[in-house]
Protein backbone atom coordinates (compact mmCIF):
# COMPACT_ATOMS: atom_id res chain seq x y z
CA UNK A 1 183.16 145.34 55.25
CA UNK A 2 180.40 146.19 57.73
CA UNK A 3 182.87 147.99 60.04
CA UNK A 4 184.25 149.92 57.04
CA UNK A 5 180.72 151.13 56.09
CA UNK A 6 179.99 152.16 59.66
CA UNK A 7 183.26 154.11 59.87
CA UNK A 8 182.54 155.69 56.50
CA UNK A 9 179.03 156.70 57.64
CA UNK A 10 180.52 158.21 60.80
CA UNK A 11 182.92 160.21 58.73
CA UNK A 12 180.18 161.59 56.53
CA UNK A 13 178.12 162.60 59.53
CA UNK A 14 181.10 164.47 61.04
CA UNK A 15 181.80 166.09 57.71
CA UNK A 16 178.28 167.43 57.33
CA UNK A 17 177.71 168.09 61.03
CA UNK A 18 175.04 165.50 61.48
CA UNK A 19 174.55 163.52 64.66
CA UNK A 20 173.59 159.88 64.88
CA UNK A 21 170.94 159.47 67.57
CA UNK A 22 171.22 156.46 69.85
CA UNK A 23 168.29 155.24 71.94
CA UNK A 24 168.87 152.78 74.81
CA UNK A 25 166.17 151.44 77.08
CA UNK A 26 166.88 150.19 80.62
CA UNK A 27 164.32 147.72 81.91
CA UNK A 28 163.99 144.84 84.31
CA UNK A 29 161.86 141.88 85.26
CA UNK A 30 161.13 143.45 88.62
CA UNK A 31 161.67 146.56 90.74
CA UNK A 32 164.28 147.17 93.40
CA UNK A 33 167.42 146.78 91.28
CA UNK A 34 168.43 150.46 91.23
CA UNK A 35 167.48 150.94 87.62
CA UNK A 36 166.58 154.62 87.90
CA UNK A 37 169.77 155.33 89.84
CA UNK A 38 171.79 153.63 87.17
CA UNK A 39 170.14 155.59 84.39
CA UNK A 40 170.62 158.86 86.25
CA UNK A 41 174.32 158.26 86.83
CA UNK A 42 175.04 156.97 83.37
CA UNK A 43 173.27 160.05 81.93
CA UNK A 44 175.28 162.33 84.19
CA UNK A 45 178.56 160.81 82.95
CA UNK A 46 177.48 161.08 79.33
CA UNK A 47 176.59 164.77 79.84
CA UNK A 48 180.01 165.43 81.38
CA UNK A 49 181.56 163.77 78.36
CA UNK A 50 179.92 166.42 76.19
CA UNK A 51 176.91 164.46 74.95
CA UNK A 52 173.40 165.93 74.68
CA UNK A 53 171.36 163.41 76.64
CA UNK A 54 167.60 163.09 77.04
CA UNK A 55 166.19 160.76 79.64
CA UNK A 56 162.62 159.62 78.86
CA UNK A 57 161.32 158.77 82.24
CA UNK A 58 158.30 156.42 82.25
CA UNK A 59 158.08 156.32 86.03
CA UNK A 60 155.96 158.49 88.22
CA UNK A 61 156.38 158.91 91.97
CA UNK A 62 159.32 159.66 94.18
CA UNK A 63 161.77 157.10 92.88
CA UNK A 64 162.22 158.24 89.30
CA UNK A 65 165.27 159.71 87.58
CA UNK A 66 164.50 163.31 88.48
CA UNK A 67 164.30 162.36 92.11
CA UNK A 68 167.87 161.07 91.89
CA UNK A 69 168.90 164.71 91.40
CA UNK A 70 166.56 166.01 94.14
CA UNK A 71 164.13 167.34 91.58
CA UNK A 72 160.45 166.80 90.81
CA UNK A 73 158.54 167.43 87.63
CA UNK A 74 155.33 169.34 87.80
CA UNK A 75 154.18 168.28 84.31
CA UNK A 76 154.23 165.32 81.94
CA UNK A 77 154.82 165.08 78.24
CA UNK A 78 151.08 164.54 78.02
CA UNK A 79 150.59 168.25 78.86
CA UNK A 80 152.57 169.06 75.70
CA UNK A 81 150.38 166.74 73.61
CA UNK A 82 147.26 168.51 74.89
CA UNK A 83 148.65 171.88 74.08
CA UNK A 84 148.66 172.90 77.73
CA UNK A 85 152.45 173.31 78.02
CA UNK A 86 155.53 173.82 75.91
CA UNK A 87 158.20 171.17 76.01
CA UNK A 88 160.49 173.59 77.88
CA UNK A 89 157.92 173.74 80.71
CA UNK A 90 158.09 169.99 81.12
CA UNK A 91 161.78 169.29 80.74
CA UNK A 92 163.92 169.05 83.87
CA UNK A 93 167.58 170.00 83.41
CA UNK A 94 169.74 169.06 86.40
CA UNK A 95 172.98 169.84 84.60
CA UNK A 96 174.30 171.10 81.27
CA UNK A 97 173.65 168.59 78.53
CA UNK A 98 171.17 166.52 80.49
CA UNK A 99 167.43 166.80 79.96
CA UNK A 100 164.84 164.68 81.84
CA UNK A 101 161.41 164.35 80.25
CA UNK A 102 158.65 162.90 82.59
CA UNK A 103 156.50 160.83 80.30
CA UNK A 104 154.65 158.26 82.41
CA UNK A 105 151.16 159.44 81.47
CA UNK A 106 151.98 160.10 77.79
CA UNK A 107 153.50 156.65 77.14
CA UNK A 108 150.58 154.87 78.71
CA UNK A 109 148.16 156.65 76.40
CA UNK A 110 150.15 156.46 73.17
CA UNK A 111 147.89 153.91 71.59
CA UNK A 112 144.83 156.14 71.98
CA UNK A 113 146.00 159.59 71.02
CA UNK A 114 143.87 161.86 68.88
CA UNK A 115 145.18 163.15 65.52
CA UNK A 116 146.21 166.48 66.97
CA UNK A 117 147.95 164.74 69.91
CA UNK A 118 149.82 162.43 67.54
CA UNK A 119 151.05 165.47 65.60
CA UNK A 120 152.15 167.21 68.77
CA UNK A 121 153.93 164.02 69.89
CA UNK A 122 155.98 163.56 66.78
CA UNK A 123 156.81 167.26 66.63
CA UNK A 124 157.71 167.73 70.28
CA UNK A 125 161.43 167.22 69.85
CA UNK A 126 161.60 170.13 67.42
CA UNK A 127 161.31 172.37 70.42
CA UNK A 128 164.81 171.28 71.67
CA UNK A 129 167.43 173.94 71.34
CA UNK A 130 170.15 171.38 70.51
CA UNK A 131 170.11 168.04 68.61
CA UNK A 132 170.32 165.00 70.82
CA UNK A 133 173.11 162.45 70.87
CA UNK A 134 171.58 159.87 73.14
CA UNK A 135 168.17 159.04 74.54
CA UNK A 136 168.14 156.91 77.68
CA UNK A 137 164.80 155.37 78.59
CA UNK A 138 163.94 154.43 82.15
CA UNK A 139 161.10 152.03 81.29
CA UNK A 140 158.39 151.21 83.71
CA UNK A 141 157.88 147.55 84.68
CA UNK A 142 154.13 148.31 85.08
CA UNK A 143 153.12 149.26 81.53
CA UNK A 144 149.45 148.39 80.82
CA UNK A 145 150.42 145.97 78.00
CA UNK A 146 153.19 144.27 79.95
CA UNK A 147 156.23 145.82 78.26
CA UNK A 148 156.88 149.44 77.30
CA UNK A 149 156.73 150.33 73.58
CA UNK A 150 159.86 152.46 74.30
CA UNK A 151 161.81 149.20 74.69
CA UNK A 152 160.63 148.02 71.28
CA UNK A 153 161.36 151.30 69.48
CA UNK A 154 164.82 151.64 71.02
CA UNK A 155 167.98 150.51 69.29
CA UNK A 156 169.19 148.72 72.41
CA UNK A 157 167.41 147.15 75.32
CA UNK A 158 169.36 146.64 78.58
CA UNK A 159 167.83 144.18 81.05
CA UNK A 160 168.97 144.66 84.59
CA UNK A 161 169.19 141.82 87.07
CA UNK A 162 170.93 140.97 90.31
CA UNK A 163 172.62 137.80 91.59
CA UNK A 164 169.36 136.81 93.27
CA UNK A 165 167.84 133.71 91.69
CA UNK A 166 164.43 135.33 91.59
CA UNK A 167 165.77 138.33 89.74
CA UNK A 168 167.53 136.10 87.21
CA UNK A 169 164.34 134.12 86.60
CA UNK A 170 162.25 137.26 86.15
CA UNK A 171 164.80 138.66 83.68
CA UNK A 172 164.78 135.47 81.70
CA UNK A 173 160.95 135.41 81.55
CA UNK A 174 160.88 139.03 80.40
CA UNK A 175 163.37 138.31 77.61
CA UNK A 176 161.47 135.23 76.57
CA UNK A 177 158.14 137.07 76.54
CA UNK A 178 159.40 139.99 74.45
CA UNK A 179 161.34 137.76 72.12
CA UNK A 180 158.40 135.47 71.36
CA UNK A 181 155.87 138.28 71.08
CA UNK A 182 157.86 140.75 68.98
CA UNK A 183 160.80 138.84 67.60
CA UNK A 184 163.25 140.94 69.50
CA UNK A 185 166.39 138.79 69.38
CA UNK A 186 169.05 140.92 71.05
CA UNK A 187 169.39 142.21 74.62
CA UNK A 188 172.20 143.44 76.82
CA UNK A 189 172.51 142.27 80.42
CA UNK A 190 173.50 144.61 83.24
CA UNK A 191 174.12 142.99 86.59
CA UNK A 192 173.52 145.26 89.60
CA UNK A 193 174.30 145.07 93.29
CA UNK A 194 177.07 142.55 92.71
CA UNK A 195 178.95 141.76 95.97
CA UNK A 196 181.43 139.57 94.12
CA UNK A 197 182.48 140.86 90.72
CA UNK A 198 183.83 137.44 89.78
CA UNK A 199 180.35 135.92 89.92
CA UNK A 200 178.81 138.42 87.44
CA UNK A 201 180.34 136.91 84.28
CA UNK A 202 179.23 133.46 85.45
CA UNK A 203 175.67 134.68 85.93
CA UNK A 204 175.66 136.22 82.55
CA UNK A 205 177.09 133.10 80.86
CA UNK A 206 174.40 130.93 82.42
CA UNK A 207 171.44 133.12 81.26
CA UNK A 208 173.06 133.69 77.88
CA UNK A 209 173.59 130.00 77.34
CA UNK A 210 169.98 129.24 78.28
CA UNK A 211 168.50 131.78 75.86
CA UNK A 212 170.91 130.70 73.11
CA UNK A 213 170.11 126.95 73.56
CA UNK A 214 166.38 127.59 73.42
CA UNK A 215 166.62 129.91 70.45
CA UNK A 216 165.13 132.81 72.36
CA UNK A 217 167.67 135.59 72.01
CA UNK A 218 171.29 136.61 71.77
CA UNK A 219 172.59 138.31 74.86
CA UNK A 220 175.59 140.54 75.39
CA UNK A 221 177.25 141.50 78.64
CA UNK A 222 176.79 145.26 79.32
CA UNK A 223 178.64 145.32 82.60
CA UNK A 224 178.39 145.13 86.39
CA UNK A 225 177.44 147.68 89.02
CA UNK A 226 178.99 146.53 92.28
CA UNK A 227 177.30 146.80 95.62
CA UNK A 228 178.58 150.12 96.86
CA UNK A 229 177.50 152.01 99.95
CA UNK A 230 178.62 155.25 98.30
CA UNK A 231 175.90 154.85 95.74
CA UNK A 232 173.24 154.79 98.43
CA UNK A 233 174.85 157.78 100.12
CA UNK A 234 174.78 159.77 96.92
CA UNK A 235 171.13 158.77 96.36
CA UNK A 236 170.28 159.99 99.85
CA UNK A 237 172.02 163.30 99.05
CA UNK A 238 170.19 163.44 95.64
CA UNK A 239 173.46 163.94 93.75
CA UNK A 240 175.26 162.00 91.02
CA UNK A 241 177.77 159.53 92.41
CA UNK A 242 180.62 161.09 90.45
CA UNK A 243 180.25 164.29 92.44
CA UNK A 244 180.02 162.51 95.81
CA UNK A 245 182.49 159.60 95.47
CA UNK A 246 184.16 159.76 92.06
CA UNK A 247 186.72 157.05 92.87
CA UNK A 248 184.17 154.56 94.30
CA UNK A 249 183.71 151.11 92.61
CA UNK A 250 180.20 151.99 91.39
CA UNK A 251 181.42 155.36 89.96
CA UNK A 252 184.08 153.54 88.01
CA UNK A 253 181.48 151.11 86.72
CA UNK A 254 179.22 153.93 85.52
CA UNK A 255 182.14 155.59 83.73
CA UNK A 256 182.96 152.35 81.98
CA UNK A 257 179.30 151.84 80.93
CA UNK A 258 179.02 155.45 79.66
CA UNK A 259 182.26 155.03 77.69
CA UNK A 260 181.04 151.83 76.03
CA UNK A 261 177.47 152.82 75.41
CA UNK A 262 178.01 155.13 72.42
CA UNK A 263 179.68 152.24 70.59
CA UNK A 264 176.74 149.86 70.96
CA UNK A 265 175.46 149.54 67.40
CA UNK A 266 173.28 146.97 65.71
CA UNK A 267 173.96 146.36 62.03
CA UNK A 268 174.01 149.29 59.62
CA UNK A 269 170.66 150.85 60.39
CA UNK A 270 170.53 154.63 60.31
CA UNK A 271 169.14 155.70 63.65
CA UNK A 272 167.80 159.01 62.35
CA UNK A 273 166.85 161.81 64.73
CA UNK A 274 164.59 162.27 67.73
CA UNK A 275 161.53 163.15 65.61
CA UNK A 276 161.90 159.93 63.58
CA UNK A 277 162.29 157.95 66.79
CA UNK A 278 159.03 159.44 68.15
CA UNK A 279 157.26 158.64 64.91
CA UNK A 280 158.48 155.01 65.09
CA UNK A 281 157.41 154.84 68.72
CA UNK A 282 153.95 156.12 67.91
CA UNK A 283 153.59 153.59 65.09
CA UNK A 284 154.56 150.69 67.40
CA UNK A 285 152.37 151.72 70.31
CA UNK A 286 149.28 151.64 68.14
CA UNK A 287 149.90 147.97 67.31
CA UNK A 288 150.72 146.56 70.70
CA UNK A 289 147.91 144.72 72.49
CA UNK A 290 147.87 143.08 75.96
CA UNK A 291 147.13 139.69 74.44
CA UNK A 292 150.17 139.85 72.10
CA UNK A 293 152.66 140.77 74.78
CA UNK A 294 151.40 138.06 77.14
CA UNK A 295 151.66 135.32 74.56
CA UNK A 296 154.25 132.58 75.06
């Protein structure tokens, strides 16, 4: 019955020309897993598939999503909130259908925005020329309260980890912390830098069984990004992998992830539009405290 209602809702949206926004956050228990590279390449594939994609980039510096395309942002979403810039001045558009929004400063200050800044924040997406299909979030692991509110407001949270025991432990602790603090009970696991694709399902089953046995969360397997020298070569050239080595193992993995991602749906919740998502994000950010996220 649930599948029928979802299919029926999809048919009505197509009939009336409405789009269902999907928001997916990519996070990790630690850095160095290639998270930004993965987000950049998945976004590029989705854009090539005809989706309107916005990447909310919570990372400043030279290793963010924009840098994966050889670009650098001069401004942050916070400049829009202050009335200093229009959204178009801040957006970075490396290819048709793909928009990158640097937001490191804005997200850190969400809980302390003035009334006018809150209004500007929730209305910012109205400046987009086309409605969005998908928002991908490259969440910082260094948020002041321990976990980005973007991950809580998103419809899906993807936790990246590698085969390294330390990475697995850090991912488990992150899932446990967010689950206990905010009752988030569902996560997807993406295993990166896998040298042996056969070991990835075993790694997933182990962490999924542990979280299930302890009543922490339900995990689903998002996929595997194999260790691939072509990915590093593409990163050095600041180009998407699909344009450098389209037949490489990692490129095939990104295509599979991008093909599956639009079908990730939880229940029957209407995801609304970008403006509603920003309103929800603002609401959550004002209720997150450092003591709450560090509990458990």
